[in-house]
């Protein structure tokens, strides 16, 4: 038998590696349960109940507050609660009998039940959680292999979401039902607006010298209103276009219009982009960026971009330079100069 006809040898893991790999595969295979138990906690109103209880509550307190059958208490404490505390959604105390708030659960309090709907610019992320874990998104992921196998006609294949449901989630969700449409739109709104107060505090110098501003990708104008409030002298307009919802070709057209809108006589004229730069972090933050990249790919015909991708777009449009001003969580603030 010729060497080229021989089957490639398979690397056989050691016993220790097999045991470790088995646990690793369990974690990957069942990690969807983290998202779905999070959805369960939000639907039950557990974060809001803990908030109303002063930030910490025992299991019996929560069962009473949420009017849950007491027979579920032993099962819930052994299963869901262990998952919630291990993932950082809640923190456990007193041998797992009391649960308290964490920074994650702060974002999961129902806005209507909180002391104020928006705390320091942070909106409740409940709509984003529910939209991202909806049956429409789960069906889209389940149909991803079929989308890859399908030979779509040129020039532009549908997104995986559109392939499965026949509509786009950001433009035609009304065909999925009015409640689903409203959920997707609200989820997108709170995703865009979350943490914007931090941007204004940490990056005030970005807006120094700015007299007029168009928020390209501003959704319902929440960010533009926050800028106008923080900088009353700045005239603000809003455009709903988001760069990570569009192909590179379309982004070049959008950025070209942004470049054209910057007055050439203004030395401080610039385009400000607040978006994910994949690879700008490591560890859990990088994992969040990569997962968001997959999420964007599922529901749009675009993707998140790394710094090389952004640089290529800027150079093709004819911008002379750019600068990543600051990293804020998974996002970055980018200045682009015409």
C-alpha atoms as a PDB file:
ATOM      1  CA  UNK A   1       0.000   0.000   0.000  1.00  0.00           C
ATOM      2  CA  UNK A   2       1.363   3.419  -0.959  1.00  0.00           C
ATOM      3  CA  UNK A   3       1.991   5.914   1.805  1.00  0.00           C
ATOM      4  CA  UNK A   4      -0.609   8.233   0.285  1.00  0.00           C
ATOM      5  CA  UNK A   5      -3.262   5.486   0.570  1.00  0.00           C
ATOM      6  CA  UNK A   6      -2.754   4.979   4.280  1.00  0.00           C
ATOM      7  CA  UNK A   7      -5.368   6.357   6.613  1.00  0.00           C
ATOM      8  CA  UNK A   8      -4.041   9.152   8.814  1.00  0.00           C
ATOM      9  CA  UNK A   9      -3.227   8.045  12.324  1.00  0.00           C
ATOM     10  CA  UNK A  10      -5.523   9.293  15.055  1.00  0.00           C
ATOM     11  CA  UNK A  11      -4.117  10.873  18.175  1.00  0.00           C
ATOM     12  CA  UNK A  12      -5.482   8.821  21.063  1.00  0.00           C
ATOM     13  CA  UNK A  13      -5.913  10.831  24.279  1.00  0.00           C
ATOM     14  CA  UNK A  14      -4.638   9.526  27.582  1.00  0.00           C
ATOM     15  CA  UNK A  15      -7.032   8.310  30.264  1.00  0.00           C
ATOM     16  CA  UNK A  16      -6.792  11.615  32.110  1.00  0.00           C
ATOM     17  CA  UNK A  17      -7.393  13.524  28.874  1.00  0.00           C
ATOM     18  CA  UNK A  18     -10.416  11.347  28.090  1.00  0.00           C
ATOM     19  CA  UNK A  19     -12.000  12.102  31.441  1.00  0.00           C
ATOM     20  CA  UNK A  20     -11.252  15.809  31.105  1.00  0.00           C
ATOM     21  CA  UNK A  21     -12.540  15.837  27.526  1.00  0.00           C
ATOM     22  CA  UNK A  22     -15.757  14.126  28.550  1.00  0.00           C
ATOM     23  CA  UNK A  23     -16.442  16.876  31.065  1.00  0.00           C
ATOM     24  CA  UNK A  24     -15.498  19.509  28.471  1.00  0.00           C
ATOM     25  CA  UNK A  25     -17.924  18.016  25.942  1.00  0.00           C
ATOM     26  CA  UNK A  26     -20.693  17.962  28.543  1.00  0.00           C
ATOM     27  CA  UNK A  27     -20.037  21.640  29.210  1.00  0.00           C
ATOM     28  CA  UNK A  28     -20.192  22.555  25.517  1.00  0.00           C
ATOM     29  CA  UNK A  29     -23.155  20.306  24.756  1.00  0.00           C
ATOM     30  CA  UNK A  30     -25.255  21.521  27.673  1.00  0.00           C
ATOM     31  CA  UNK A  31     -24.161  25.162  27.805  1.00  0.00           C
ATOM     32  CA  UNK A  32     -27.425  26.161  26.117  1.00  0.00           C
ATOM     33  CA  UNK A  33     -29.056  25.349  29.472  1.00  0.00           C
ATOM     34  CA  UNK A  34     -27.259  28.345  30.985  1.00  0.00           C
ATOM     35  CA  UNK A  35     -29.085  30.622  28.542  1.00  0.00           C
ATOM     36  CA  UNK A  36     -32.412  28.869  28.962  1.00  0.00           C
ATOM     37  CA  UNK A  37     -32.300  28.826  32.766  1.00  0.00           C
ATOM     38  CA  UNK A  38     -31.435  32.534  32.582  1.00  0.00           C
ATOM     39  CA  UNK A  39     -34.546  32.988  30.450  1.00  0.00           C
ATOM     40  CA  UNK A  40     -36.502  31.021  33.062  1.00  0.00           C
ATOM     41  CA  UNK A  41     -35.240  33.269  35.875  1.00  0.00           C
ATOM     42  CA  UNK A  42     -36.253  36.381  33.934  1.00  0.00           C
ATOM     43  CA  UNK A  43     -39.696  34.987  33.083  1.00  0.00           C
ATOM     44  CA  UNK A  44     -40.316  34.068  36.718  1.00  0.00           C
ATOM     45  CA  UNK A  45     -39.215  37.531  37.830  1.00  0.00           C
ATOM     46  CA  UNK A  46     -36.555  36.266  40.234  1.00  0.00           C
ATOM     47  CA  UNK A  47     -34.158  39.247  39.825  1.00  0.00           C
ATOM     48  CA  UNK A  48     -37.021  41.675  40.443  1.00  0.00           C
ATOM     49  CA  UNK A  49     -38.160  39.676  43.488  1.00  0.00           C
ATOM     50  CA  UNK A  50     -34.650  39.771  44.993  1.00  0.00           C
ATOM     51  CA  UNK A  51     -34.496  43.507  44.274  1.00  0.00           C
ATOM     52  CA  UNK A  52     -37.792  44.059  46.093  1.00  0.00           C
ATOM     53  CA  UNK A  53     -36.470  41.993  48.995  1.00  0.00           C
ATOM     54  CA  UNK A  54     -33.523  44.319  49.524  1.00  0.00           C
ATOM     55  CA  UNK A  55     -30.943  42.621  47.306  1.00  0.00           C
ATOM     56  CA  UNK A  56     -30.859  39.216  49.045  1.00  0.00           C
ATOM     57  CA  UNK A  57     -33.513  36.573  49.653  1.00  0.00           C
ATOM     58  CA  UNK A  58     -33.791  32.978  50.820  1.00  0.00           C
ATOM     59  CA  UNK A  59     -35.376  30.292  48.682  1.00  0.00           C
ATOM     60  CA  UNK A  60     -38.540  30.136  50.848  1.00  0.00           C
ATOM     61  CA  UNK A  61     -38.820  33.934  50.591  1.00  0.00           C
ATOM     62  CA  UNK A  62     -38.639  33.765  46.802  1.00  0.00           C
ATOM     63  CA  UNK A  63     -41.059  30.855  46.528  1.00  0.00           C
ATOM     64  CA  UNK A  64     -43.562  32.886  48.547  1.00  0.00           C
ATOM     65  CA  UNK A  65     -42.918  36.145  46.684  1.00  0.00           C
ATOM     66  CA  UNK A  66     -43.290  34.470  43.285  1.00  0.00           C
ATOM     67  CA  UNK A  67     -46.272  32.297  44.320  1.00  0.00           C
ATOM     68  CA  UNK A  68     -44.485  29.118  43.246  1.00  0.00           C
ATOM     69  CA  UNK A  69     -45.593  25.634  44.396  1.00  0.00           C
ATOM     70  CA  UNK A  70     -43.551  24.679  47.462  1.00  0.00           C
ATOM     71  CA  UNK A  71     -43.136  21.160  46.082  1.00  0.00           C
ATOM     72  CA  UNK A  72     -40.717  22.604  43.488  1.00  0.00           C
ATOM     73  CA  UNK A  73     -38.334  23.950  46.138  1.00  0.00           C
ATOM     74  CA  UNK A  74     -36.052  20.881  46.579  1.00  0.00           C
ATOM     75  CA  UNK A  75     -35.693  20.381  42.816  1.00  0.00           C
ATOM     76  CA  UNK A  76     -35.121  24.043  42.006  1.00  0.00           C
ATOM     77  CA  UNK A  77     -32.465  24.501  44.684  1.00  0.00           C
ATOM     78  CA  UNK A  78     -30.508  21.504  43.410  1.00  0.00           C
ATOM     79  CA  UNK A  79     -30.701  22.305  39.706  1.00  0.00           C
ATOM     80  CA  UNK A  80     -31.479  25.787  38.425  1.00  0.00           C
ATOM     81  CA  UNK A  81     -30.135  27.669  41.432  1.00  0.00           C
ATOM     82  CA  UNK A  82     -26.797  25.892  41.244  1.00  0.00           C
ATOM     83  CA  UNK A  83     -26.503  26.838  37.576  1.00  0.00           C
ATOM     84  CA  UNK A  84     -27.495  30.454  38.237  1.00  0.00           C
ATOM     85  CA  UNK A  85     -24.989  30.945  41.053  1.00  0.00           C
ATOM     86  CA  UNK A  86     -22.148  29.154  39.246  1.00  0.00           C
ATOM     87  CA  UNK A  87     -22.602  31.350  36.165  1.00  0.00           C
ATOM     88  CA  UNK A  88     -22.595  34.531  38.236  1.00  0.00           C
ATOM     89  CA  UNK A  89     -26.223  35.502  37.638  1.00  0.00           C
ATOM     90  CA  UNK A  90     -26.779  35.380  41.403  1.00  0.00           C
ATOM     91  CA  UNK A  91     -24.422  34.821  44.335  1.00  0.00           C
ATOM     92  CA  UNK A  92     -25.186  32.184  46.959  1.00  0.00           C
ATOM     93  CA  UNK A  93     -24.727  32.515  50.710  1.00  0.00           C
ATOM     94  CA  UNK A  94     -25.413  30.414  53.803  1.00  0.00           C
ATOM     95  CA  UNK A  95     -24.625  27.098  52.107  1.00  0.00           C
ATOM     96  CA  UNK A  96     -26.773  27.942  49.116  1.00  0.00           C
ATOM     97  CA  UNK A  97     -29.936  28.855  51.004  1.00  0.00           C
ATOM     98  CA  UNK A  98     -29.765  32.602  50.347  1.00  0.00           C
ATOM     99  CA  UNK A  99     -29.194  34.365  47.042  1.00  0.00           C
ATOM    100  CA  UNK A 100     -28.176  37.940  46.447  1.00  0.00           C
ATOM    101  CA  UNK A 101     -27.603  40.386  43.640  1.00  0.00           C
ATOM    102  CA  UNK A 102     -24.527  40.445  41.417  1.00  0.00           C
ATOM    103  CA  UNK A 103     -23.604  43.001  38.728  1.00  0.00           C
ATOM    104  CA  UNK A 104     -25.260  40.659  36.206  1.00  0.00           C
ATOM    105  CA  UNK A 105     -28.581  40.473  38.039  1.00  0.00           C
ATOM    106  CA  UNK A 106     -28.596  44.290  38.328  1.00  0.00           C
ATOM    107  CA  UNK A 107     -29.377  44.370  34.591  1.00  0.00           C
ATOM    108  CA  UNK A 108     -32.216  41.848  34.917  1.00  0.00           C
ATOM    109  CA  UNK A 109     -34.578  43.801  37.165  1.00  0.00           C
ATOM    110  CA  UNK A 110     -37.813  44.634  35.416  1.00  0.00           C
ATOM    111  CA  UNK A 111     -37.671  48.350  34.639  1.00  0.00           C
ATOM    112  CA  UNK A 112     -41.250  48.898  35.771  1.00  0.00           C
ATOM    113  CA  UNK A 113     -40.433  47.457  39.201  1.00  0.00           C
ATOM    114  CA  UNK A 114     -37.107  49.208  39.724  1.00  0.00           C
ATOM    115  CA  UNK A 115     -36.814  52.428  41.659  1.00  0.00           C
ATOM    116  CA  UNK A 116     -36.116  54.145  38.346  1.00  0.00           C
ATOM    117  CA  UNK A 117     -36.447  52.574  34.867  1.00  0.00           C
ATOM    118  CA  UNK A 118     -32.970  53.713  33.841  1.00  0.00           C
ATOM    119  CA  UNK A 119     -30.214  53.683  36.451  1.00  0.00           C
ATOM    120  CA  UNK A 120     -27.234  55.791  35.398  1.00  0.00           C
ATOM    121  CA  UNK A 121     -27.914  55.132  31.751  1.00  0.00           C
ATOM    122  CA  UNK A 122     -28.165  51.355  32.183  1.00  0.00           C
ATOM    123  CA  UNK A 123     -31.439  50.017  30.855  1.00  0.00           C
ATOM    124  CA  UNK A 124     -32.831  46.689  31.955  1.00  0.00           C
ATOM    125  CA  UNK A 125     -31.483  44.037  29.580  1.00  0.00           C
ATOM    126  CA  UNK A 126     -34.542  41.816  30.007  1.00  0.00           C
ATOM    127  CA  UNK A 127     -35.835  42.465  26.439  1.00  0.00           C
ATOM    128  CA  UNK A 128     -32.436  41.586  24.970  1.00  0.00           C
ATOM    129  CA  UNK A 129     -32.253  38.369  27.014  1.00  0.00           C
ATOM    130  CA  UNK A 130     -35.752  37.293  25.985  1.00  0.00           C
ATOM    131  CA  UNK A 131     -35.254  38.205  22.316  1.00  0.00           C
ATOM    132  CA  UNK A 132     -31.902  36.405  22.105  1.00  0.00           C
ATOM    133  CA  UNK A 133     -33.316  33.227  23.689  1.00  0.00           C
ATOM    134  CA  UNK A 134     -36.641  33.270  21.836  1.00  0.00           C
ATOM    135  CA  UNK A 135     -37.858  30.230  19.923  1.00  0.00           C
ATOM    136  CA  UNK A 136     -37.182  32.100  16.666  1.00  0.00           C
ATOM    137  CA  UNK A 137     -33.484  32.415  17.509  1.00  0.00           C
ATOM    138  CA  UNK A 138     -33.277  28.817  18.747  1.00  0.00           C
ATOM    139  CA  UNK A 139     -34.930  27.545  15.551  1.00  0.00           C
ATOM    140  CA  UNK A 140     -32.432  29.605  13.552  1.00  0.00           C
ATOM    141  CA  UNK A 141     -29.470  27.966  15.293  1.00  0.00           C
ATOM    142  CA  UNK A 142     -31.030  24.524  14.840  1.00  0.00           C
ATOM    143  CA  UNK A 143     -31.300  25.205  11.093  1.00  0.00           C
ATOM    144  CA  UNK A 144     -27.747  26.512  10.685  1.00  0.00           C
ATOM    145  CA  UNK A 145     -26.337  23.323   9.121  1.00  0.00           C
ATOM    146  CA  UNK A 146     -29.100  23.411   6.490  1.00  0.00           C
ATOM    147  CA  UNK A 147     -28.246  27.041   5.720  1.00  0.00           C
ATOM    148  CA  UNK A 148     -24.581  26.129   5.161  1.00  0.00           C
ATOM    149  CA  UNK A 149     -25.530  23.256   2.821  1.00  0.00           C
ATOM    150  CA  UNK A 150     -28.036  25.271   0.771  1.00  0.00           C
ATOM    151  CA  UNK A 151     -26.695  26.598  -2.543  1.00  0.00           C
ATOM    152  CA  UNK A 152     -28.417  29.982  -2.618  1.00  0.00           C
ATOM    153  CA  UNK A 153     -28.677  31.947  -5.863  1.00  0.00           C
ATOM    154  CA  UNK A 154     -26.316  34.884  -6.309  1.00  0.00           C
ATOM    155  CA  UNK A 155     -25.634  37.594  -5.451  1.00  0.00           C
ATOM    156  CA  UNK A 156     -26.832  37.728  -1.847  1.00  0.00           C
ATOM    157  CA  UNK A 157     -27.911  34.709   0.225  1.00  0.00           C
ATOM    158  CA  UNK A 158     -30.463  35.212   2.998  1.00  0.00           C
ATOM    159  CA  UNK A 159     -29.373  35.303   6.613  1.00  0.00           C
ATOM    160  CA  UNK A 160     -29.870  32.039   8.539  1.00  0.00           C
ATOM    161  CA  UNK A 161     -32.814  33.682  10.349  1.00  0.00           C
ATOM    162  CA  UNK A 162     -34.435  34.684   7.065  1.00  0.00           C
ATOM    163  CA  UNK A 163     -33.774  31.229   5.603  1.00  0.00           C
ATOM    164  CA  UNK A 164     -35.618  29.520   8.480  1.00  0.00           C
ATOM    165  CA  UNK A 165     -38.446  32.012   9.064  1.00  0.00           C
ATOM    166  CA  UNK A 166     -38.824  33.743   5.708  1.00  0.00           C
ATOM    167  CA  UNK A 167     -38.450  37.209   7.256  1.00  0.00           C
ATOM    168  CA  UNK A 168     -35.660  39.360   8.659  1.00  0.00           C
ATOM    169  CA  UNK A 169     -35.822  39.960  12.439  1.00  0.00           C
ATOM    170  CA  UNK A 170     -34.984  43.650  12.225  1.00  0.00           C
ATOM    171  CA  UNK A 171     -37.218  44.672   9.326  1.00  0.00           C
ATOM    172  CA  UNK A 172     -40.168  42.311   9.055  1.00  0.00           C
ATOM    173  CA  UNK A 173     -40.736  40.923  12.538  1.00  0.00           C
ATOM    174  CA  UNK A 174     -44.389  41.994  12.366  1.00  0.00           C
ATOM    175  CA  UNK A 175     -44.943  38.912  10.204  1.00  0.00           C
ATOM    176  CA  UNK A 176     -43.771  36.802  13.150  1.00  0.00           C
ATOM    177  CA  UNK A 177     -46.423  38.386  15.370  1.00  0.00           C
ATOM    178  CA  UNK A 178     -46.789  41.788  17.028  1.00  0.00           C
ATOM    179  CA  UNK A 179     -45.406  40.642  20.393  1.00  0.00           C
ATOM    180  CA  UNK A 180     -42.320  39.104  18.794  1.00  0.00           C
ATOM    181  CA  UNK A 181     -41.779  42.203  16.659  1.00  0.00           C
ATOM    182  CA  UNK A 182     -41.963  44.469  19.694  1.00  0.00           C
ATOM    183  CA  UNK A 183     -39.610  42.197  21.658  1.00  0.00           C
ATOM    184  CA  UNK A 184     -36.929  42.231  18.948  1.00  0.00           C
ATOM    185  CA  UNK A 185     -37.115  45.996  18.561  1.00  0.00           C
ATOM    186  CA  UNK A 186     -36.984  46.600  22.325  1.00  0.00           C
ATOM    187  CA  UNK A 187     -34.135  44.103  22.700  1.00  0.00           C
ATOM    188  CA  UNK A 188     -32.152  45.965  20.064  1.00  0.00           C
ATOM    189  CA  UNK A 189     -32.907  49.303  21.700  1.00  0.00           C
ATOM    190  CA  UNK A 190     -31.626  48.324  25.144  1.00  0.00           C
ATOM    191  CA  UNK A 191     -28.571  46.632  23.611  1.00  0.00           C
ATOM    192  CA  UNK A 192     -27.650  49.848  21.798  1.00  0.00           C
ATOM    193  CA  UNK A 193     -28.298  52.151  24.757  1.00  0.00           C
ATOM    194  CA  UNK A 194     -26.823  50.112  27.615  1.00  0.00           C
ATOM    195  CA  UNK A 195     -23.843  51.713  29.283  1.00  0.00           C
ATOM    196  CA  UNK A 196     -23.918  54.854  27.162  1.00  0.00           C
ATOM    197  CA  UNK A 197     -23.627  57.011  30.282  1.00  0.00           C
ATOM    198  CA  UNK A 198     -20.233  55.370  30.859  1.00  0.00           C
ATOM    199  CA  UNK A 199     -19.177  56.378  27.345  1.00  0.00           C
ATOM    200  CA  UNK A 200     -20.103  59.995  28.058  1.00  0.00           C
ATOM    201  CA  UNK A 201     -18.196  59.961  31.361  1.00  0.00           C
ATOM    202  CA  UNK A 202     -15.095  58.130  30.206  1.00  0.00           C
ATOM    203  CA  UNK A 203     -14.797  59.716  26.761  1.00  0.00           C
ATOM    204  CA  UNK A 204     -15.867  63.322  27.212  1.00  0.00           C
ATOM    205  CA  UNK A 205     -12.823  64.494  25.272  1.00  0.00           C
ATOM    206  CA  UNK A 206     -14.131  62.635  22.212  1.00  0.00           C
ATOM    207  CA  UNK A 207     -16.929  65.190  22.011  1.00  0.00           C
ATOM    208  CA  UNK A 208     -14.741  68.237  22.677  1.00  0.00           C
ATOM    209  CA  UNK A 209     -15.120  70.749  19.869  1.00  0.00           C
ATOM    210  CA  UNK A 210     -18.051  68.896  18.294  1.00  0.00           C
ATOM    211  CA  UNK A 211     -20.826  71.314  17.310  1.00  0.00           C
ATOM    212  CA  UNK A 212     -23.108  69.007  15.330  1.00  0.00           C
ATOM    213  CA  UNK A 213     -23.509  65.244  15.339  1.00  0.00           C
ATOM    214  CA  UNK A 214     -25.520  62.648  13.430  1.00  0.00           C
ATOM    215  CA  UNK A 215     -25.965  59.377  15.314  1.00  0.00           C
ATOM    216  CA  UNK A 216     -25.695  56.834  12.487  1.00  0.00           C
ATOM    217  CA  UNK A 217     -27.163  53.669  13.956  1.00  0.00           C
ATOM    218  CA  UNK A 218     -28.933  55.549  16.706  1.00  0.00           C
ATOM    219  CA  UNK A 219     -32.128  53.510  16.717  1.00  0.00           C
ATOM    220  CA  UNK A 220     -34.803  55.454  18.568  1.00  0.00           C
ATOM    221  CA  UNK A 221     -32.432  58.302  19.431  1.00  0.00           C
ATOM    222  CA  UNK A 222     -31.644  57.321  23.035  1.00  0.00           C
ATOM    223  CA  UNK A 223     -27.904  57.893  22.578  1.00  0.00           C
ATOM    224  CA  UNK A 224     -28.401  61.178  20.726  1.00  0.00           C
ATOM    225  CA  UNK A 225     -30.646  62.457  23.509  1.00  0.00           C
ATOM    226  CA  UNK A 226     -28.021  61.515  26.102  1.00  0.00           C
ATOM    227  CA  UNK A 227     -25.342  63.377  24.122  1.00  0.00           C
ATOM    228  CA  UNK A 228     -27.552  66.446  23.745  1.00  0.00           C
ATOM    229  CA  UNK A 229     -28.226  66.439  27.485  1.00  0.00           C
ATOM    230  CA  UNK A 230     -24.536  66.094  28.382  1.00  0.00           C
ATOM    231  CA  UNK A 231     -23.420  68.603  25.725  1.00  0.00           C
ATOM    232  CA  UNK A 232     -26.264  71.114  25.226  1.00  0.00           C
ATOM    233  CA  UNK A 233     -24.320  73.026  22.552  1.00  0.00           C
ATOM    234  CA  UNK A 234     -24.188  69.979  20.240  1.00  0.00           C
ATOM    235  CA  UNK A 235     -26.926  69.700  17.620  1.00  0.00           C
ATOM    236  CA  UNK A 236     -27.882  66.036  17.238  1.00  0.00           C
ATOM    237  CA  UNK A 237     -29.665  64.050  14.544  1.00  0.00           C
ATOM    238  CA  UNK A 238     -30.345  60.314  14.431  1.00  0.00           C
ATOM    239  CA  UNK A 239     -30.119  57.778  11.603  1.00  0.00           C
ATOM    240  CA  UNK A 240     -31.153  54.162  12.327  1.00  0.00           C
ATOM    241  CA  UNK A 241     -28.424  52.527  10.186  1.00  0.00           C
ATOM    242  CA  UNK A 242     -26.079  50.158  12.107  1.00  0.00           C
ATOM    243  CA  UNK A 243     -22.780  49.181  10.496  1.00  0.00           C
ATOM    244  CA  UNK A 244     -22.681  45.637  11.885  1.00  0.00           C
ATOM    245  CA  UNK A 245     -26.012  44.929  10.155  1.00  0.00           C
ATOM    246  CA  UNK A 246     -24.553  45.515   6.687  1.00  0.00           C
ATOM    247  CA  UNK A 247     -22.070  43.903   4.308  1.00  0.00           C
ATOM    248  CA  UNK A 248     -18.642  45.440   3.727  1.00  0.00           C
ATOM    249  CA  UNK A 249     -19.833  46.876   0.417  1.00  0.00           C
ATOM    250  CA  UNK A 250     -22.809  48.572   2.054  1.00  0.00           C
ATOM    251  CA  UNK A 251     -20.682  49.781   4.985  1.00  0.00           C
ATOM    252  CA  UNK A 252     -18.310  51.450   2.533  1.00  0.00           C
ATOM    253  CA  UNK A 253     -21.259  53.339   1.043  1.00  0.00           C
ATOM    254  CA  UNK A 254     -22.542  54.330   4.500  1.00  0.00           C
ATOM    255  CA  UNK A 255     -19.113  55.463   5.703  1.00  0.00           C
ATOM    256  CA  UNK A 256     -18.584  57.405   2.471  1.00  0.00           C
ATOM    257  CA  UNK A 257     -21.738  59.388   3.240  1.00  0.00           C
ATOM    258  CA  UNK A 258     -20.496  59.948   6.803  1.00  0.00           C
ATOM    259  CA  UNK A 259     -17.174  61.215   5.438  1.00  0.00           C
ATOM    260  CA  UNK A 260     -18.974  63.521   3.033  1.00  0.00           C
ATOM    261  CA  UNK A 261     -21.051  64.949   5.893  1.00  0.00           C
ATOM    262  CA  UNK A 262     -17.967  66.051   7.858  1.00  0.00           C
ATOM    263  CA  UNK A 263     -17.155  69.667   6.853  1.00  0.00           C
ATOM    264  CA  UNK A 264     -13.647  69.765   5.392  1.00  0.00           C
ATOM    265  CA  UNK A 265     -12.955  73.174   6.884  1.00  0.00           C
ATOM    266  CA  UNK A 266     -13.368  71.806  10.413  1.00  0.00           C
ATOM    267  CA  UNK A 267     -10.040  70.443  11.623  1.00  0.00           C
ATOM    268  CA  UNK A 268     -11.781  68.570  14.410  1.00  0.00           C
ATOM    269  CA  UNK A 269     -14.328  66.951  12.125  1.00  0.00           C
ATOM    270  CA  UNK A 270     -14.419  63.191  12.596  1.00  0.00           C
ATOM    271  CA  UNK A 271     -16.592  60.099  12.531  1.00  0.00           C
ATOM    272  CA  UNK A 272     -17.125  58.447  15.924  1.00  0.00           C
ATOM    273  CA  UNK A 273     -17.918  54.719  15.972  1.00  0.00           C
ATOM    274  CA  UNK A 274     -18.916  52.782  19.086  1.00  0.00           C
ATOM    275  CA  UNK A 275     -18.892  49.090  18.234  1.00  0.00           C
ATOM    276  CA  UNK A 276     -17.220  45.771  18.905  1.00  0.00           C
ATOM    277  CA  UNK A 277     -13.637  45.293  17.718  1.00  0.00           C
ATOM    278  CA  UNK A 278     -13.230  41.513  17.818  1.00  0.00           C
ATOM    279  CA  UNK A 279      -9.939  40.479  19.394  1.00  0.00           C
ATOM    280  CA  UNK A 280      -9.425  43.692  21.336  1.00  0.00           C
ATOM    281  CA  UNK A 281      -9.750  41.673  24.561  1.00  0.00           C
ATOM    282  CA  UNK A 282      -9.117  38.162  25.839  1.00  0.00           C
ATOM    283  CA  UNK A 283     -10.803  35.625  28.094  1.00  0.00           C
ATOM    284  CA  UNK A 284     -14.542  35.967  28.789  1.00  0.00           C
ATOM    285  CA  UNK A 285     -14.690  39.365  27.055  1.00  0.00           C
ATOM    286  CA  UNK A 286     -13.294  37.853  23.839  1.00  0.00           C
ATOM    287  CA  UNK A 287     -15.775  34.985  24.129  1.00  0.00           C
ATOM    288  CA  UNK A 288     -18.593  37.544  24.386  1.00  0.00           C
ATOM    289  CA  UNK A 289     -17.314  39.292  21.256  1.00  0.00           C
ATOM    290  CA  UNK A 290     -17.127  36.015  19.325  1.00  0.00           C
ATOM    291  CA  UNK A 291     -20.615  34.972  20.434  1.00  0.00           C
ATOM    292  CA  UNK A 292     -21.955  38.370  19.383  1.00  0.00           C
ATOM    293  CA  UNK A 293     -20.244  37.852  16.019  1.00  0.00           C
ATOM    294  CA  UNK A 294     -22.154  34.584  15.568  1.00  0.00           C
ATOM    295  CA  UNK A 295     -25.400  36.232  16.727  1.00  0.00           C
ATOM    296  CA  UNK A 296     -25.032  39.008  14.147  1.00  0.00           C
ATOM    297  CA  UNK A 297     -24.264  36.455  11.431  1.00  0.00           C
ATOM    298  CA  UNK A 298     -27.421  34.510  12.325  1.00  0.00           C
ATOM    299  CA  UNK A 299     -29.848  37.414  12.062  1.00  0.00           C
ATOM    300  CA  UNK A 300     -28.210  39.661   9.445  1.00  0.00           C
ATOM    301  CA  UNK A 301     -26.015  39.307   6.367  1.00  0.00           C
ATOM    302  CA  UNK A 302     -23.092  40.879   8.181  1.00  0.00           C
ATOM    303  CA  UNK A 303     -20.693  40.241  11.053  1.00  0.00           C
ATOM    304  CA  UNK A 304     -18.686  41.858  13.796  1.00  0.00           C
ATOM    305  CA  UNK A 305     -15.253  43.086  12.694  1.00  0.00           C
ATOM    306  CA  UNK A 306     -11.701  42.948  14.018  1.00  0.00           C
ATOM    307  CA  UNK A 307      -9.307  45.885  13.776  1.00  0.00           C
ATOM    308  CA  UNK A 308      -7.976  44.807  10.362  1.00  0.00           C
ATOM    309  CA  UNK A 309     -11.531  44.662   9.012  1.00  0.00           C
ATOM    310  CA  UNK A 310     -12.274  48.156  10.310  1.00  0.00           C
ATOM    311  CA  UNK A 311      -8.984  49.501   8.917  1.00  0.00           C
ATOM    312  CA  UNK A 312      -9.742  48.069   5.469  1.00  0.00           C
ATOM    313  CA  UNK A 313     -13.161  49.748   5.439  1.00  0.00           C
ATOM    314  CA  UNK A 314     -11.714  53.109   6.488  1.00  0.00           C
ATOM    315  CA  UNK A 315      -8.940  52.999   3.882  1.00  0.00           C
ATOM    316  CA  UNK A 316     -11.304  51.989   1.064  1.00  0.00           C
ATOM    317  CA  UNK A 317     -13.536  54.948   1.884  1.00  0.00           C
ATOM    318  CA  UNK A 318     -10.542  57.291   1.827  1.00  0.00           C
ATOM    319  CA  UNK A 319     -10.230  58.222   5.483  1.00  0.00           C
ATOM    320  CA  UNK A 320      -6.697  59.373   6.282  1.00  0.00           C
ATOM    321  CA  UNK A 321      -6.436  57.799   9.741  1.00  0.00           C
ATOM    322  CA  UNK A 322      -8.291  56.305  12.704  1.00  0.00           C
ATOM    323  CA  UNK A 323      -7.710  55.736  16.404  1.00  0.00           C
ATOM    324  CA  UNK A 324      -9.218  53.323  18.911  1.00  0.00           C
ATOM    325  CA  UNK A 325      -9.735  55.827  21.712  1.00  0.00           C
ATOM    326  CA  UNK A 326     -10.885  53.570  24.514  1.00  0.00           C
ATOM    327  CA  UNK A 327     -12.096  50.062  25.261  1.00  0.00           C
ATOM    328  CA  UNK A 328     -15.368  50.016  27.165  1.00  0.00           C
ATOM    329  CA  UNK A 329     -16.369  46.458  27.988  1.00  0.00           C
ATOM    330  CA  UNK A 330     -16.822  44.488  24.762  1.00  0.00           C
ATOM    331  CA  UNK A 331     -17.100  47.665  22.684  1.00  0.00           C
ATOM    332  CA  UNK A 332     -14.541  50.231  21.570  1.00  0.00           C
ATOM    333  CA  UNK A 333     -14.787  53.931  20.801  1.00  0.00           C
ATOM    334  CA  UNK A 334     -13.170  54.616  17.408  1.00  0.00           C
ATOM    335  CA  UNK A 335     -12.395  58.024  15.929  1.00  0.00           C
ATOM    336  CA  UNK A 336     -12.022  58.137  12.128  1.00  0.00           C
ATOM    337  CA  UNK A 337     -10.521  61.184  10.450  1.00  0.00           C
ATOM    338  CA  UNK A 338     -11.391  62.340   6.892  1.00  0.00           C
END
